[in-house]
């Protein structure tokens, strides 16, 4: 049996594809990241780069990657990643002592 002093605690893995994409984007792991748009091969890493470059809507991300939406199934996922990045960017400025 392992005791508490020898057993390393493992972080809880992110839930779902969006959670995994956000976790990888925020930690900087993975060169290609997770593909969220299969039609245009757009990854969470590219979404984060587009966001840092000023993209605020899925169509801005497509334009940043030099493409257009094809089937549109990824638009909600792209928006979720962007909202997560926006929340992460604002977190240091939030006042928790209200």
N, C-alpha and C. Protein backbone atom coordinates (compact mmCIF):
# COMPACT_ATOMS: atom_id res chain seq x y z
N UNK A 1 0.83 -1.19 0.00
CA UNK A 1 0.00 0.00 0.00
C UNK A 1 0.87 1.25 0.00
N UNK A 2 0.40 2.25 -0.71
CA UNK A 2 1.09 3.53 -0.72
C UNK A 2 0.53 4.42 0.37
N UNK A 3 1.39 5.11 1.06
CA UNK A 3 0.88 6.06 2.04
C UNK A 3 0.83 7.45 1.42
N UNK A 4 0.25 8.38 2.11
CA UNK A 4 0.04 9.72 1.59
C UNK A 4 1.34 10.44 1.26
N UNK A 5 2.40 10.12 1.97
CA UNK A 5 3.66 10.83 1.72
C UNK A 5 4.38 10.33 0.47
N UNK A 6 4.11 9.10 0.03
CA UNK A 6 4.78 8.58 -1.16
C UNK A 6 3.91 8.62 -2.40
N UNK A 7 2.63 8.82 -2.22
CA UNK A 7 1.73 8.83 -3.36
C UNK A 7 1.54 10.26 -3.85
N UNK A 8 1.88 10.49 -5.11
CA UNK A 8 1.73 11.83 -5.69
C UNK A 8 0.28 12.05 -6.05
N UNK A 9 -0.21 13.22 -5.74
CA UNK A 9 -1.57 13.57 -6.12
C UNK A 9 -1.60 13.96 -7.58
N UNK A 10 -2.57 13.44 -8.30
CA UNK A 10 -2.69 13.76 -9.72
C UNK A 10 -3.81 14.77 -9.90
N UNK A 11 -3.63 15.75 -10.78
CA UNK A 11 -4.69 16.71 -11.01
C UNK A 11 -5.89 16.03 -11.66
N UNK A 12 -7.06 16.56 -11.41
CA UNK A 12 -8.28 16.04 -12.02
C UNK A 12 -8.25 16.41 -13.49
N UNK A 13 -8.44 15.44 -14.38
CA UNK A 13 -8.39 15.75 -15.81
C UNK A 13 -9.57 16.61 -16.22
N UNK A 14 -9.39 17.48 -17.21
CA UNK A 14 -10.48 18.29 -17.71
C UNK A 14 -11.55 17.41 -18.34
N UNK A 15 -12.78 17.86 -18.28
CA UNK A 15 -13.91 17.09 -18.79
C UNK A 15 -14.22 17.52 -20.22
N UNK A 16 -14.36 16.54 -21.09
CA UNK A 16 -14.78 16.79 -22.46
C UNK A 16 -13.70 17.40 -23.33
N UNK A 17 -14.00 17.48 -24.59
CA UNK A 17 -13.06 18.03 -25.58
C UNK A 17 -12.77 19.49 -25.30
N UNK A 18 -13.79 20.26 -24.98
CA UNK A 18 -13.59 21.70 -24.72
C UNK A 18 -12.72 21.89 -23.49
N UNK A 19 -12.98 21.14 -22.44
CA UNK A 19 -12.16 21.24 -21.23
C UNK A 19 -10.72 20.89 -21.51
N UNK A 20 -10.50 19.85 -22.30
CA UNK A 20 -9.14 19.46 -22.65
C UNK A 20 -8.47 20.54 -23.49
N UNK A 21 -9.22 21.11 -24.42
CA UNK A 21 -8.66 22.16 -25.27
C UNK A 21 -8.27 23.38 -24.44
N UNK A 22 -9.14 23.78 -23.52
CA UNK A 22 -8.83 24.92 -22.66
C UNK A 22 -7.62 24.64 -21.79
N UNK A 23 -7.56 23.44 -21.23
CA UNK A 23 -6.43 23.10 -20.36
C UNK A 23 -5.12 23.14 -21.13
N UNK A 24 -5.11 22.59 -22.33
CA UNK A 24 -3.89 22.60 -23.12
C UNK A 24 -3.52 24.00 -23.55
N UNK A 25 -4.51 24.80 -23.92
CA UNK A 25 -4.24 26.16 -24.36
C UNK A 25 -3.68 26.99 -23.21
N UNK A 26 -4.25 26.84 -22.02
CA UNK A 26 -3.82 27.64 -20.89
C UNK A 26 -2.47 27.21 -20.35
N UNK A 27 -2.12 25.92 -20.50
CA UNK A 27 -0.83 25.46 -20.00
C UNK A 27 0.25 25.50 -21.06
N UNK A 28 -0.13 25.70 -22.31
CA UNK A 28 0.84 25.76 -23.39
C UNK A 28 1.34 24.41 -23.85
N UNK A 29 0.68 23.33 -23.43
CA UNK A 29 1.11 21.99 -23.84
C UNK A 29 0.62 21.70 -25.25
N UNK A 30 1.39 20.95 -25.97
CA UNK A 30 0.98 20.49 -27.28
C UNK A 30 1.22 21.52 -28.36
N UNK A 31 2.00 21.15 -29.34
CA UNK A 31 2.30 22.08 -30.44
C UNK A 31 1.09 22.27 -31.32
N UNK A 32 0.44 21.18 -31.71
CA UNK A 32 -0.72 21.29 -32.58
C UNK A 32 -2.00 21.47 -31.78
N UNK A 33 -2.04 20.96 -30.58
CA UNK A 33 -3.23 21.06 -29.76
C UNK A 33 -4.29 20.07 -30.20
N UNK A 34 -5.51 20.38 -29.86
CA UNK A 34 -6.66 19.54 -30.20
C UNK A 34 -7.40 20.19 -31.35
N UNK A 35 -7.68 19.41 -32.37
CA UNK A 35 -8.43 19.95 -33.51
C UNK A 35 -9.89 20.09 -33.14
N UNK A 36 -10.39 21.31 -33.24
CA UNK A 36 -11.80 21.56 -32.98
C UNK A 36 -12.59 21.72 -34.26
N UNK A 37 -11.94 22.13 -35.32
CA UNK A 37 -12.58 22.24 -36.64
C UNK A 37 -11.90 21.24 -37.55
N UNK A 38 -12.61 20.17 -37.85
CA UNK A 38 -12.02 19.13 -38.70
C UNK A 38 -12.04 19.53 -40.17
N UNK A 39 -13.03 20.30 -40.58
CA UNK A 39 -13.12 20.72 -41.98
C UNK A 39 -11.91 21.56 -42.40
N UNK A 40 -11.48 22.46 -41.50
CA UNK A 40 -10.39 23.38 -41.82
C UNK A 40 -9.12 23.07 -41.03
N UNK A 41 -9.13 22.00 -40.24
CA UNK A 41 -7.98 21.61 -39.42
C UNK A 41 -7.52 22.76 -38.52
N UNK A 42 -8.47 23.35 -37.79
CA UNK A 42 -8.15 24.43 -36.85
C UNK A 42 -8.07 23.84 -35.45
N UNK A 43 -6.95 24.10 -34.78
CA UNK A 43 -6.74 23.57 -33.44
C UNK A 43 -6.99 24.64 -32.38
N UNK A 44 -7.07 24.19 -31.14
CA UNK A 44 -7.23 25.13 -30.03
C UNK A 44 -6.05 26.08 -29.94
N UNK A 45 -4.87 25.62 -30.34
CA UNK A 45 -3.69 26.48 -30.34
C UNK A 45 -3.86 27.62 -31.33
N UNK A 46 -4.39 27.31 -32.50
CA UNK A 46 -4.63 28.36 -33.50
C UNK A 46 -5.72 29.32 -33.03
N UNK A 47 -6.72 28.79 -32.33
CA UNK A 47 -7.78 29.65 -31.80
C UNK A 47 -7.20 30.63 -30.78
N UNK A 48 -6.32 30.12 -29.92
CA UNK A 48 -5.68 30.98 -28.91
C UNK A 48 -4.82 32.05 -29.58
N UNK A 49 -4.09 31.67 -30.64
CA UNK A 49 -3.28 32.66 -31.35
C UNK A 49 -4.16 33.72 -32.00
N UNK A 50 -5.27 33.29 -32.60
CA UNK A 50 -6.18 34.24 -33.22
C UNK A 50 -6.79 35.16 -32.17
N UNK A 51 -7.12 34.60 -31.01
CA UNK A 51 -7.69 35.40 -29.92
C UNK A 51 -6.70 36.46 -29.46
N UNK A 52 -5.45 36.05 -29.27
CA UNK A 52 -4.42 37.02 -28.87
C UNK A 52 -4.19 38.07 -29.95
N UNK A 53 -4.50 37.72 -31.19
CA UNK A 53 -4.36 38.66 -32.30
C UNK A 53 -5.59 39.55 -32.51
N UNK A 54 -6.61 39.39 -31.66
CA UNK A 54 -7.77 40.26 -31.72
C UNK A 54 -9.06 39.60 -32.15
N UNK A 55 -9.06 38.32 -32.50
CA UNK A 55 -10.28 37.63 -32.90
C UNK A 55 -11.24 37.54 -31.72
N UNK A 56 -12.50 37.87 -31.94
CA UNK A 56 -13.50 37.81 -30.89
C UNK A 56 -14.74 37.01 -31.30
N UNK A 57 -14.77 36.56 -32.54
CA UNK A 57 -15.89 35.75 -33.04
C UNK A 57 -15.31 34.59 -33.85
N UNK A 58 -16.07 33.50 -33.96
CA UNK A 58 -15.57 32.38 -34.76
C UNK A 58 -15.17 32.79 -36.18
N UNK A 59 -15.91 33.68 -36.80
CA UNK A 59 -15.54 34.07 -38.16
C UNK A 59 -14.20 34.80 -38.20
N UNK A 60 -13.86 35.49 -37.10
CA UNK A 60 -12.54 36.13 -37.01
C UNK A 60 -11.44 35.06 -36.95
N UNK A 61 -11.73 33.96 -36.27
CA UNK A 61 -10.76 32.86 -36.19
C UNK A 61 -10.56 32.25 -37.57
N UNK A 62 -11.68 31.98 -38.26
CA UNK A 62 -11.57 31.44 -39.62
C UNK A 62 -10.72 32.36 -40.50
N UNK A 63 -11.02 33.66 -40.44
CA UNK A 63 -10.28 34.62 -41.26
C UNK A 63 -8.80 34.62 -40.90
N UNK A 64 -8.50 34.54 -39.61
CA UNK A 64 -7.12 34.51 -39.15
C UNK A 64 -6.38 33.29 -39.69
N UNK A 65 -7.12 32.20 -39.87
CA UNK A 65 -6.52 30.96 -40.38
C UNK A 65 -6.61 30.86 -41.90
N UNK A 66 -7.16 31.89 -42.54
CA UNK A 66 -7.23 31.92 -43.99
C UNK A 66 -8.27 30.99 -44.57
N UNK A 67 -9.38 30.81 -43.86
CA UNK A 67 -10.43 29.92 -44.36
C UNK A 67 -11.79 30.47 -43.97
N UNK A 68 -12.82 29.71 -44.29
CA UNK A 68 -14.21 30.04 -43.94
C UNK A 68 -14.84 28.84 -43.28
N UNK A 69 -15.93 29.07 -42.57
CA UNK A 69 -16.68 27.97 -41.98
C UNK A 69 -17.19 27.06 -43.09
N UNK A 70 -17.10 25.76 -42.87
CA UNK A 70 -17.61 24.80 -43.84
C UNK A 70 -18.96 24.28 -43.36
N UNK A 71 -18.94 23.33 -42.43
CA UNK A 71 -20.21 22.77 -41.94
C UNK A 71 -20.76 23.58 -40.77
N UNK A 72 -19.91 24.32 -40.04
CA UNK A 72 -20.35 25.17 -38.94
C UNK A 72 -20.51 24.47 -37.60
N UNK A 73 -20.28 23.17 -37.54
CA UNK A 73 -20.45 22.44 -36.28
C UNK A 73 -19.46 22.89 -35.20
N UNK A 74 -18.34 23.41 -35.60
CA UNK A 74 -17.29 23.78 -34.64
C UNK A 74 -17.48 25.19 -34.08
N UNK A 75 -18.36 25.98 -34.64
CA UNK A 75 -18.48 27.38 -34.23
C UNK A 75 -18.76 27.52 -32.74
N UNK A 76 -19.64 26.70 -32.19
CA UNK A 76 -19.95 26.77 -30.76
C UNK A 76 -18.74 26.38 -29.92
N UNK A 77 -17.97 25.38 -30.38
CA UNK A 77 -16.78 24.96 -29.66
C UNK A 77 -15.70 26.05 -29.70
N UNK A 78 -15.54 26.67 -30.85
CA UNK A 78 -14.57 27.77 -30.98
C UNK A 78 -14.96 28.91 -30.05
N UNK A 79 -16.23 29.24 -30.01
CA UNK A 79 -16.72 30.31 -29.13
C UNK A 79 -16.49 29.95 -27.67
N UNK A 80 -16.69 28.69 -27.30
CA UNK A 80 -16.46 28.26 -25.92
C UNK A 80 -15.00 28.42 -25.53
N UNK A 81 -14.10 28.04 -26.41
CA UNK A 81 -12.67 28.20 -26.13
C UNK A 81 -12.34 29.68 -25.98
N UNK A 82 -12.87 30.50 -26.86
CA UNK A 82 -12.60 31.94 -26.79
C UNK A 82 -13.15 32.55 -25.50
N UNK A 83 -14.31 32.11 -25.07
CA UNK A 83 -14.87 32.61 -23.80
C UNK A 83 -14.00 32.19 -22.63
N UNK A 84 -13.49 30.96 -22.68
CA UNK A 84 -12.59 30.50 -21.63
C UNK A 84 -11.31 31.30 -21.59
N UNK A 85 -10.78 31.61 -22.76
CA UNK A 85 -9.57 32.43 -22.82
C UNK A 85 -9.84 33.84 -22.31
N UNK A 86 -11.00 34.37 -22.63
CA UNK A 86 -11.38 35.70 -22.17
C UNK A 86 -11.51 35.72 -20.65
N UNK A 87 -12.16 34.70 -20.10
CA UNK A 87 -12.32 34.62 -18.64
C UNK A 87 -10.97 34.47 -17.96
N UNK A 88 -10.09 33.66 -18.55
CA UNK A 88 -8.76 33.47 -17.98
C UNK A 88 -7.96 34.76 -18.02
N UNK A 89 -8.14 35.54 -19.07
CA UNK A 89 -7.41 36.80 -19.21
C UNK A 89 -7.90 37.82 -18.19
N UNK A 90 -9.18 37.76 -17.84
CA UNK A 90 -9.75 38.73 -16.91
C UNK A 90 -9.59 38.30 -15.45
N UNK A 91 -9.30 37.04 -15.19
CA UNK A 91 -9.23 36.51 -13.83
C UNK A 91 -8.28 37.29 -12.92
N UNK A 92 -7.08 37.67 -13.37
CA UNK A 92 -6.19 38.39 -12.45
C UNK A 92 -6.74 39.76 -12.04
N UNK A 93 -7.67 40.28 -12.80
CA UNK A 93 -8.21 41.61 -12.51
C UNK A 93 -9.50 41.58 -11.71
N UNK A 94 -10.05 40.37 -11.49
CA UNK A 94 -11.31 40.28 -10.77
C UNK A 94 -11.08 40.53 -9.29
N UNK A 95 -12.04 41.16 -8.67
CA UNK A 95 -11.96 41.46 -7.25
C UNK A 95 -12.78 40.42 -6.50
N UNK A 96 -12.10 39.55 -5.76
CA UNK A 96 -12.79 38.49 -5.02
C UNK A 96 -13.24 38.95 -3.65
N UNK A 97 -12.89 40.14 -3.22
CA UNK A 97 -13.27 40.64 -1.89
C UNK A 97 -14.37 41.67 -2.01
N UNK A 98 -15.47 41.31 -2.60
CA UNK A 98 -16.58 42.28 -2.76
C UNK A 98 -17.49 42.25 -1.60
